[in-house]
Amino acid sequence: MSRNPLRVARALLAAAVLVGAPAGAATISGLSISNSSTNVFDDVGGVGSVAQSTTGTPISGLLGFQVRYAAVIGADSGGVGGATYTQNFSGSYSITFSVTETAGVAWTARVDVLRQGAMTIVDDGNGSATVTLNALNVVKTGAGTLNSSLNLGAVTTLTNSGAPTTSPNSPFSQTASSTITGVGTGSAQSITLTFTFTGSATTTAAGNQGDEAALRMGIDSALSSFTADNYPGVGARSIGNDGIFFSAAVPEPAAEALLAIGLIGLAWFDYTRRPSA
């Protein structure tokens, strides 16, 4: 059964274009992390409080990386000098990395955020406690376009003010995903993502005693006589699984090559099913 030579030529041209298109050669480099969050540790007197954060050793390679940011907020009052107290926390850190791609070739980096942990209250006095965790805001500067928001909403406030003899625990897990797209220049193109959020732990005293309040996101503060922030603690949490995780990755070249082959196969299958001229 003969085929139209013009159709054959077009099919072969389409195949040649797909095969000849540059495979995804983008790489990631130059990862750096800057943490400007507040840090407090007060374990003296009738009120104990903590607000600490850290960035863990990143997992990184030419095609991507993952960064973990951990934090804890805690407050408790009891004994001489005990009083109502709120420990506030302002989290602020930035992640900078570069994408390198051949000049004129489009690139895509997938980016993901996970915020995971628990708000925990332990009844150890006559008062009550409250824990808050507000929205996580993510702002991108530098190369490329962030195609959808990575922001995460506020977590519902935890309090036992209406039932001060209880010890509530509220785990949370939030995610957001997007892509950053751009066009290569042949040189490294720098991208910075800045993460900010606030939270607080309040111990409300009745007399000189209030309950323990803690936000757990991957750090055990080691306040003495304080258990709300312990790991594994309430809910048997894993300290390494809590925190704010950010990852970025560019496609493997092999994946784009397989996609091109698949598209060629589909085009050829469609062509061979057409009636001959």
Foldseek 3Di string as FASTA:
>chain_A
DDFDVVLVVVLVVLLCVLLPADFPPKWKDDKDKFWDKDWDFDQDDFKTWTWDKDKDDWADDGFKIKIFIWIKTKMWGDDPPAAKDKDKIKTKMKIKMWMADDAQAKFKKKKKKKAWFKKKWDQDADAKKKKWWAKKAKDKDWFFDWPDGFIGGIDDIDICRVPRNDIDMGIDMDMDITMTMHGHRRDITMMMMMIIIMMMMIFHDDPRGGIMIMTGFQDDSPRPPHQRHDAVGPPNNDSVVGGMMMMMGTDDSVVSSVVSVVVSVVSVVVVVPDDHD
